[in-house]
PDB file of N, CA and C in Angstrom:
ATOM      1  N   MET A   1      -5.226 102.075 -80.426  1.00  0.00           N
ATOM      2  CA  MET A   1      -4.069 101.794 -81.395  1.00  0.00           C
ATOM      3  C   MET A   1      -3.001 101.231 -81.011  1.00  0.00           C
ATOM      4  N   ARG A   2      -2.679 100.274 -81.998  1.00  0.00           N
ATOM      5  CA  ARG A   2      -1.262  99.511 -81.890  1.00  0.00           C
ATOM      6  C   ARG A   2      -0.071  99.714 -82.807  1.00  0.00           C
ATOM      7  N   GLY A   3       0.742  99.786 -82.199  1.00  0.00           N
ATOM      8  CA  GLY A   3       2.142 100.291 -82.924  1.00  0.00           C
ATOM      9  C   GLY A   3       3.283  99.993 -82.325  1.00  0.00           C
ATOM     10  N   ILE A   4       4.276 100.151 -83.072  1.00  0.00           N
ATOM     11  CA  ILE A   4       5.815  99.924 -82.435  1.00  0.00           C
ATOM     12  C   ILE A   4       6.503 101.311 -82.219  1.00  0.00           C
ATOM     13  N   PHE A   5       6.879 101.341 -81.112  1.00  0.00           N
ATOM     14  CA  PHE A   5       7.801 102.658 -80.740  1.00  0.00           C
ATOM     15  C   PHE A   5       8.957 102.654 -81.348  1.00  0.00           C
ATOM     16  N   PHE A   6       9.471 103.562 -82.239  1.00  0.00           N
ATOM     17  CA  PHE A   6      10.697 103.521 -82.526  1.00  0.00           C
ATOM     18  C   PHE A   6      11.829 103.664 -81.627  1.00  0.00           C
ATOM     19  N   GLY A   7      13.012 103.040 -81.831  1.00  0.00           N
ATOM     20  CA  GLY A   7      14.091 102.808 -80.857  1.00  0.00           C
ATOM     21  C   GLY A   7      14.039 101.891 -80.062  1.00  0.00           C
ATOM     22  N   SER A   8      12.664 101.012 -80.146  1.00  0.00           N
ATOM     23  CA  SER A   8      12.665  99.797 -79.009  1.00  0.00           C
ATOM     24  C   SER A   8      13.101  98.686 -79.628  1.00  0.00           C
ATOM     25  N   LYS A   9      13.400  97.582 -79.038  1.00  0.00           N
ATOM     26  CA  LYS A   9      14.150  96.566 -79.355  1.00  0.00           C
ATOM     27  C   LYS A   9      12.936  95.794 -80.335  1.00  0.00           C
ATOM     28  N   ALA A  10      11.720  95.851 -80.181  1.00  0.00           N
ATOM     29  CA  ALA A  10      10.745  95.307 -80.971  1.00  0.00           C
ATOM     30  C   ALA A  10      10.780  95.964 -82.439  1.00  0.00           C
ATOM     31  N   ALA A  11      10.942  97.236 -82.418  1.00  0.00           N
ATOM     32  CA  ALA A  11      11.000  98.092 -83.611  1.00  0.00           C
ATOM     33  C   ALA A  11      12.381  97.291 -84.443  1.00  0.00           C
ATOM     34  N   LYS A  12      13.351  97.340 -83.725  1.00  0.00           N
ATOM     35  CA  LYS A  12      14.664  96.592 -84.219  1.00  0.00           C
ATOM     36  C   LYS A  12      14.377  95.421 -85.047  1.00  0.00           C
ATOM     37  N   TYR A  13      13.800  94.753 -84.159  1.00  0.00           N
ATOM     38  CA  TYR A  13      13.521  93.330 -84.723  1.00  0.00           C
ATOM     39  C   TYR A  13      12.847  93.331 -86.074  1.00  0.00           C
ATOM     40  N   VAL A  14      11.416  94.101 -86.180  1.00  0.00           N
ATOM     41  CA  VAL A  14      10.718  93.941 -87.114  1.00  0.00           C
ATOM     42  C   VAL A  14      11.601  94.670 -88.394  1.00  0.00           C
ATOM     43  N   CYS A  15      12.084  95.616 -88.214  1.00  0.00           N
ATOM     44  CA  CYS A  15      13.111  96.177 -89.285  1.00  0.00           C
ATOM     45  C   CYS A  15      14.204  95.120 -89.895  1.00  0.00           C
ATOM     46  N   GLU A  16      14.644  94.463 -88.917  1.00  0.00           N
ATOM     47  CA  GLU A  16      15.562  93.322 -89.411  1.00  0.00           C
ATOM     48  C   GLU A  16      14.938  92.230 -90.214  1.00  0.00           C
ATOM     49  N   GLN A  17      13.604  91.776 -89.646  1.00  0.00           N
ATOM     50  CA  GLN A  17      12.843  90.831 -90.443  1.00  0.00           C
ATOM     51  C   GLN A  17      12.256  91.375 -91.905  1.00  0.00           C
ATOM     52  N   ARG A  18      12.050  92.614 -91.719  1.00  0.00           N
ATOM     53  CA  ARG A  18      11.513  93.169 -93.162  1.00  0.00           C
ATOM     54  C   ARG A  18      12.645  93.342 -94.152  1.00  0.00           C
ATOM     55  N   LEU A  19      13.665  93.871 -93.566  1.00  0.00           N
ATOM     56  CA  LEU A  19      14.675  94.322 -94.805  1.00  0.00           C
ATOM     57  C   LEU A  19      15.876  93.408 -94.659  1.00  0.00           C
ATOM     58  N   GLY A  20      15.835  92.152 -94.062  1.00  0.00           N
ATOM     59  CA  GLY A  20      16.984  91.270 -93.884  1.00  0.00           C
ATOM     60  C   GLY A  20      18.274  91.863 -92.971  1.00  0.00           C
ATOM     61  N   SER A  21      18.725  91.042 -92.302  1.00  0.00           N
ATOM     62  CA  SER A  21      19.492  91.225 -91.383  1.00  0.00           C
ATOM     63  C   SER A  21      21.151  91.489 -91.814  1.00  0.00           C
ATOM     64  N   GLY A  22      21.182  91.163 -93.096  1.00  0.00           N
ATOM     65  CA  GLY A  22      22.433  91.064 -93.620  1.00  0.00           C
ATOM     66  C   GLY A  22      23.532  89.971 -93.284  1.00  0.00           C
ATOM     67  N   LYS A  23      22.635  88.730 -92.667  1.00  0.00           N
ATOM     68  CA  LYS A  23      23.267  87.537 -92.182  1.00  0.00           C
ATOM     69  C   LYS A  23      22.846  86.416 -93.445  1.00  0.00           C
ATOM     70  N   VAL A  24      23.951  85.912 -93.427  1.00  0.00           N
ATOM     71  CA  VAL A  24      23.678  84.669 -94.503  1.00  0.00           C
ATOM     72  C   VAL A  24      23.867  83.531 -93.764  1.00  0.00           C
ATOM     73  N   ASP A  25      22.915  82.572 -93.895  1.00  0.00           N
ATOM     74  CA  ASP A  25      23.090  81.157 -93.300  1.00  0.00           C
ATOM     75  C   ASP A  25      24.249  80.552 -94.112  1.00  0.00           C
ATOM     76  N   PRO A  26      25.139  80.145 -93.386  1.00  0.00           N
ATOM     77  CA  PRO A  26      26.142  79.769 -93.947  1.00  0.00           C
ATOM     78  C   PRO A  26      26.321  78.108 -94.740  1.00  0.00           C
ATOM     79  N   GLY A  27      25.277  77.541 -94.297  1.00  0.00           N
ATOM     80  CA  GLY A  27      24.731  76.377 -94.830  1.00  0.00           C
ATOM     81  C   GLY A  27      24.258  76.646 -96.193  1.00  0.00           C
ATOM     82  N   ARG A  28      23.426  77.469 -96.305  1.00  0.00           N
ATOM     83  CA  ARG A  28      22.882  77.906 -97.889  1.00  0.00           C
ATOM     84  C   ARG A  28      23.727  78.479 -98.431  1.00  0.00           C
ATOM     85  N   GLU A  29      24.780  79.431 -97.915  1.00  0.00           N
ATOM     86  CA  GLU A  29      25.619  79.918 -98.868  1.00  0.00           C
ATOM     87  C   GLU A  29      26.571  79.128 -99.493  1.00  0.00           C
ATOM     88  N   LYS A  30      26.980  77.978 -98.562  1.00  0.00           N
ATOM     89  CA  LYS A  30      27.999  76.900 -98.976  1.00  0.00           C
ATOM     90  C   LYS A  30      27.021  76.034-100.461  1.00  0.00           C
ATOM     91  N   LEU A  31      25.915  75.605-100.003  1.00  0.00           N
ATOM     92  CA  LEU A  31      25.105  74.886-101.149  1.00  0.00           C
ATOM     93  C   LEU A  31      25.404  75.790-102.418  1.00  0.00           C
ATOM     94  N   VAL A  32      24.744  77.162-102.299  1.00  0.00           N
ATOM     95  CA  VAL A  32      24.996  77.778-103.688  1.00  0.00           C
ATOM     96  C   VAL A  32      26.365  77.798-104.250  1.00  0.00           C
ATOM     97  N   LEU A  33      27.413  78.296-103.344  1.00  0.00           N
ATOM     98  CA  LEU A  33      28.722  78.059-104.309  1.00  0.00           C
ATOM     99  C   LEU A  33      29.146  76.771-104.687  1.00  0.00           C
ATOM    100  N   ASP A  34      28.391  75.563-103.992  1.00  0.00           N
ATOM    101  CA  ASP A  34      28.608  74.063-104.433  1.00  0.00           C
ATOM    102  C   ASP A  34      28.093  73.976-105.789  1.00  0.00           C
ATOM    103  N   MET A  35      26.779  74.593-105.772  1.00  0.00           N
ATOM    104  CA  MET A  35      25.916  74.346-107.349  1.00  0.00           C
ATOM    105  C   MET A  35      26.972  75.409-108.364  1.00  0.00           C
ATOM    106  N   ILE A  36      27.267  76.222-107.973  1.00  0.00           N
ATOM    107  CA  ILE A  36      27.948  76.937-108.926  1.00  0.00           C
ATOM    108  C   ILE A  36      29.326  76.392-109.468  1.00  0.00           C
ATOM    109  N   ALA A  37      29.887  75.688-108.423  1.00  0.00           N
ATOM    110  CA  ALA A  37      31.247  75.237-108.720  1.00  0.00           C
ATOM    111  C   ALA A  37      30.853  74.023-109.611  1.00  0.00           C
ATOM    112  N   ALA A  38      29.989  73.398-109.314  1.00  0.00           N
ATOM    113  CA  ALA A  38      29.292  71.953-110.197  1.00  0.00           C
ATOM    114  C   ALA A  38      29.032  72.595-111.754  1.00  0.00           C
ATOM    115  N   ARG A  39      28.315  73.784-111.749  1.00  0.00           N
ATOM    116  CA  ARG A  39      27.879  73.865-113.112  1.00  0.00           C
ATOM    117  C   ARG A  39      28.435  75.165-113.820  1.00  0.00           C
ATOM    118  N   GLY A  40      29.156  75.867-113.019  1.00  0.00           N
ATOM    119  CA  GLY A  40      29.911  76.993-113.489  1.00  0.00           C
ATOM    120  C   GLY A  40      28.741  78.316-113.301  1.00  0.00           C
ATOM    121  N   GLN A  41      27.368  78.041-113.136  1.00  0.00           N
ATOM    122  CA  GLN A  41      26.650  79.254-112.841  1.00  0.00           C
ATOM    123  C   GLN A  41      25.420  78.706-112.353  1.00  0.00           C
ATOM    124  N   VAL A  42      24.550  79.464-111.928  1.00  0.00           N
ATOM    125  CA  VAL A  42      23.244  78.954-111.283  1.00  0.00           C
ATOM    126  C   VAL A  42      22.094  80.251-111.259  1.00  0.00           C
ATOM    127  N   THR A  43      20.754  79.879-111.423  1.00  0.00           N
ATOM    128  CA  THR A  43      19.727  80.761-111.492  1.00  0.00           C
ATOM    129  C   THR A  43      19.263  80.868-110.215  1.00  0.00           C
ATOM    130  N   ARG A  44      18.493  81.813-110.199  1.00  0.00           N
ATOM    131  CA  ARG A  44      17.614  82.012-108.732  1.00  0.00           C
ATOM    132  C   ARG A  44      16.704  81.078-108.618  1.00  0.00           C
ATOM    133  N   ARG A  45      16.002  80.569-109.901  1.00  0.00           N
ATOM    134  CA  ARG A  45      15.050  79.607-109.690  1.00  0.00           C
ATOM    135  C   ARG A  45      15.391  78.181-109.330  1.00  0.00           C
ATOM    136  N   GLU A  46      16.961  77.965-109.753  1.00  0.00           N
ATOM    137  CA  GLU A  46      17.689  76.825-109.344  1.00  0.00           C
ATOM    138  C   GLU A  46      18.060  76.817-107.698  1.00  0.00           C
ATOM    139  N   VAL A  47      18.101  77.868-107.315  1.00  0.00           N
ATOM    140  CA  VAL A  47      18.465  78.040-105.730  1.00  0.00           C
ATOM    141  C   VAL A  47      17.230  77.579-105.022  1.00  0.00           C
ATOM    142  N   MET A  48      15.935  78.404-105.652  1.00  0.00           N
ATOM    143  CA  MET A  48      14.825  78.193-104.931  1.00  0.00           C
ATOM    144  C   MET A  48      14.456  76.906-104.446  1.00  0.00           C
ATOM    145  N   GLY A  49      14.665  76.211-106.056  1.00  0.00           N
ATOM    146  CA  GLY A  49      14.404  74.541-105.775  1.00  0.00           C
ATOM    147  C   GLY A  49      15.320  73.772-105.100  1.00  0.00           C
ATOM    148  N   ARG A  50      16.598  73.888-105.084  1.00  0.00           N
ATOM    149  CA  ARG A  50      17.488  73.351-104.234  1.00  0.00           C
ATOM    150  C   ARG A  50      17.405  73.495-102.765  1.00  0.00           C
ATOM    151  N   LEU A  51      17.322  74.658-102.465  1.00  0.00           N
ATOM    152  CA  LEU A  51      17.204  75.042-101.163  1.00  0.00           C
ATOM    153  C   LEU A  51      15.708  75.094-100.389  1.00  0.00           C
ATOM    154  N   ASN A  52      14.833  74.775-101.433  1.00  0.00           N
ATOM    155  CA  ASN A  52      13.480  74.980-100.698  1.00  0.00           C
ATOM    156  C   ASN A  52      13.166  76.296-100.257  1.00  0.00           C
ATOM    157  N   VAL A  53      13.208  77.241-100.847  1.00  0.00           N
ATOM    158  CA  VAL A  53      12.907  78.696-100.246  1.00  0.00           C
ATOM    159  C   VAL A  53      12.115  79.569-101.132  1.00  0.00           C
ATOM    160  N   SER A  54      11.496  80.431-100.732  1.00  0.00           N
ATOM    161  CA  SER A  54      10.771  81.153-101.691  1.00  0.00           C
ATOM    162  C   SER A  54      11.713  82.275-102.483  1.00  0.00           C
ATOM    163  N   ASP A  55      11.121  82.865-103.405  1.00  0.00           N
ATOM    164  CA  ASP A  55      11.622  83.704-104.135  1.00  0.00           C
ATOM    165  C   ASP A  55      12.384  84.960-103.426  1.00  0.00           C
ATOM    166  N   ASN A  56      11.666  85.441-102.384  1.00  0.00           N
ATOM    167  CA  ASN A  56      12.341  86.691-101.934  1.00  0.00           C
ATOM    168  C   ASN A  56      13.523  86.012-101.022  1.00  0.00           C
ATOM    169  N   THR A  57      13.487  85.066-100.495  1.00  0.00           N
ATOM    170  CA  THR A  57      14.620  84.457 -99.828  1.00  0.00           C
ATOM    171  C   THR A  57      15.712  84.220-100.712  1.00  0.00           C
ATOM    172  N   ALA A  58      15.397  83.479-101.857  1.00  0.00           N
ATOM    173  CA  ALA A  58      16.481  83.437-102.760  1.00  0.00           C
ATOM    174  C   ALA A  58      17.174  84.511-103.262  1.00  0.00           C
ATOM    175  N   ASN A  59      16.348  85.651-103.801  1.00  0.00           N
ATOM    176  CA  ASN A  59      16.785  86.748-103.986  1.00  0.00           C
ATOM    177  C   ASN A  59      17.627  87.518-103.072  1.00  0.00           C
ATOM    178  N   ARG A  60      17.378  87.498-101.553  1.00  0.00           N
ATOM    179  CA  ARG A  60      18.101  88.093-100.659  1.00  0.00           C
ATOM    180  C   ARG A  60      19.482  87.374-100.375  1.00  0.00           C
ATOM    181  N   LEU A  61      19.370  86.139-100.434  1.00  0.00           N
ATOM    182  CA  LEU A  61      20.585  85.336-100.231  1.00  0.00           C
ATOM    183  C   LEU A  61      21.681  85.785-101.581  1.00  0.00           C
ATOM    184  N   LEU A  62      20.870  85.734-102.637  1.00  0.00           N
ATOM    185  CA  LEU A  62      22.063  85.952-103.989  1.00  0.00           C
ATOM    186  C   LEU A  62      22.634  87.397-103.944  1.00  0.00           C
ATOM    187  N   GLN A  63      21.670  88.350-103.453  1.00  0.00           N
ATOM    188  CA  GLN A  63      21.959  89.725-103.310  1.00  0.00           C
ATOM    189  C   GLN A  63      23.319  89.991-102.474  1.00  0.00           C
ATOM    190  N   GLU A  64      22.807  89.378-100.890  1.00  0.00           N
ATOM    191  CA  GLU A  64      23.997  89.401-100.220  1.00  0.00           C
ATOM    192  C   GLU A  64      25.304  88.784-100.147  1.00  0.00           C
ATOM    193  N   MET A  65      25.062  87.662-101.097  1.00  0.00           N
ATOM    194  CA  MET A  65      26.417  86.950-101.622  1.00  0.00           C
ATOM    195  C   MET A  65      27.175  87.798-102.401  1.00  0.00           C
ATOM    196  N   GLU A  66      26.277  88.600-103.420  1.00  0.00           N
ATOM    197  CA  GLU A  66      26.785  89.253-104.493  1.00  0.00           C
ATOM    198  C   GLU A  66      27.346  90.749-103.802  1.00  0.00           C
ATOM    199  N   VAL A  67      27.143  91.173-102.771  1.00  0.00           N
ATOM    200  CA  VAL A  67      27.546  92.426-102.214  1.00  0.00           C
ATOM    201  C   VAL A  67      28.929  91.961-101.491  1.00  0.00           C
ATOM    202  N   ARG A  68      28.849  90.783-100.869  1.00  0.00           N
ATOM    203  CA  ARG A  68      30.065  90.456-100.398  1.00  0.00           C
ATOM    204  C   ARG A  68      31.114  89.781-101.225  1.00  0.00           C
ATOM    205  N   LYS A  69      30.784  90.099-102.565  1.00  0.00           N
ATOM    206  CA  LYS A  69      31.886  89.562-103.848  1.00  0.00           C
ATOM    207  C   LYS A  69      32.263  88.254-103.495  1.00  0.00           C
ATOM    208  N   LEU A  70      31.205  87.305-103.110  1.00  0.00           N
ATOM    209  CA  LEU A  70      31.347  86.009-103.429  1.00  0.00           C
ATOM    210  C   LEU A  70      30.835  85.550-104.728  1.00  0.00           C
ATOM    211  N   ILE A  71      29.749  86.135-105.387  1.00  0.00           N
ATOM    212  CA  ILE A  71      29.721  85.775-106.720  1.00  0.00           C
ATOM    213  C   ILE A  71      29.104  86.909-107.352  1.00  0.00           C
ATOM    214  N   GLN A  72      28.917  86.788-108.784  1.00  0.00           N
ATOM    215  CA  GLN A  72      28.634  88.069-109.496  1.00  0.00           C
ATOM    216  C   GLN A  72      27.239  87.725-110.351  1.00  0.00           C
ATOM    217  N   ARG A  73      26.523  88.657-110.804  1.00  0.00           N
ATOM    218  CA  ARG A  73      25.095  88.334-111.441  1.00  0.00           C
ATOM    219  C   ARG A  73      25.791  88.844-112.723  1.00  0.00           C
ATOM    220  N   LYS A  74      24.954  88.024-113.800  1.00  0.00           N
ATOM    221  CA  LYS A  74      25.331  88.188-115.164  1.00  0.00           C
ATOM    222  C   LYS A  74      23.770  88.476-115.768  1.00  0.00           C
ATOM    223  N   GLY A  75      23.478  89.444-116.775  1.00  0.00           N
ATOM    224  CA  GLY A  75      22.122  89.473-117.398  1.00  0.00           C
ATOM    225  C   GLY A  75      21.367  90.516-116.585  1.00  0.00           C
ATOM    226  N   LYS A  76      20.088  90.541-116.977  1.00  0.00           N
ATOM    227  CA  LYS A  76      19.097  91.317-116.190  1.00  0.00           C
ATOM    228  C   LYS A  76      17.648  90.462-116.549  1.00  0.00           C
ATOM    229  N   GLY A  77      16.798  90.613-115.577  1.00  0.00           N
ATOM    230  CA  GLY A  77      15.691  90.045-115.478  1.00  0.00           C
ATOM    231  C   GLY A  77      15.546  88.632-115.659  1.00  0.00           C
ATOM    232  N   HIS A  78      14.800  87.947-116.624  1.00  0.00           N
ATOM    233  CA  HIS A  78      14.470  86.511-116.712  1.00  0.00           C
ATOM    234  C   HIS A  78      15.878  85.782-117.139  1.00  0.00           C
ATOM    235  N   GLY A  79      16.701  86.143-117.722  1.00  0.00           N
ATOM    236  CA  GLY A  79      17.694  85.735-118.381  1.00  0.00           C
ATOM    237  C   GLY A  79      19.042  85.718-117.479  1.00  0.00           C
ATOM    238  N   SER A  80      18.740  86.289-116.019  1.00  0.00           N
ATOM    239  CA  SER A  80      19.991  86.496-115.462  1.00  0.00           C
ATOM    240  C   SER A  80      20.484  85.231-114.888  1.00  0.00           C
ATOM    241  N   TYR A  81      21.815  85.120-114.237  1.00  0.00           N
ATOM    242  CA  TYR A  81      22.360  84.027-113.489  1.00  0.00           C
ATOM    243  C   TYR A  81      23.663  84.568-112.840  1.00  0.00           C
ATOM    244  N   TYR A  82      24.054  83.765-111.956  1.00  0.00           N
ATOM    245  CA  TYR A  82      25.094  84.055-111.001  1.00  0.00           C
ATOM    246  C   TYR A  82      26.446  82.964-111.330  1.00  0.00           C
ATOM    247  N   MET A  83      27.643  83.499-111.347  1.00  0.00           N
ATOM    248  CA  MET A  83      28.756  82.926-111.413  1.00  0.00           C
ATOM    249  C   MET A  83      29.689  83.391-110.289  1.00  0.00           C
ATOM    250  N   PRO A  84      30.777  82.475-110.038  1.00  0.00           N
ATOM    251  CA  PRO A  84      31.868  82.827-109.309  1.00  0.00           C
ATOM    252  C   PRO A  84      32.246  84.428-109.439  1.00  0.00           C
ATOM    253  N   ALA A  85      32.695  84.898-108.311  1.00  0.00           N
ATOM    254  CA  ALA A  85      33.222  86.497-108.574  1.00  0.00           C
ATOM    255  C   ALA A  85      34.770  86.382-108.890  1.00  0.00           C
TER     256      ALA A  85
END
């Protein structure tokens, strides 16, 4: 049986990869902020297209930026967009 022992470096790595490490790529972050500065707002789909990233990656990036108070989310579901905080 294969498995990961809790407390090991491997377990920590897997956990960080699955849940996100809380680290944001400064280049991607700057591009998102530049997009918002140019248009006043940005959607998750626009971030996906511009950065060529998956839906999950765009969500994680935007959520981490929101937690850090760099941007704020407006609306819910399909109509949501992000603005400067």
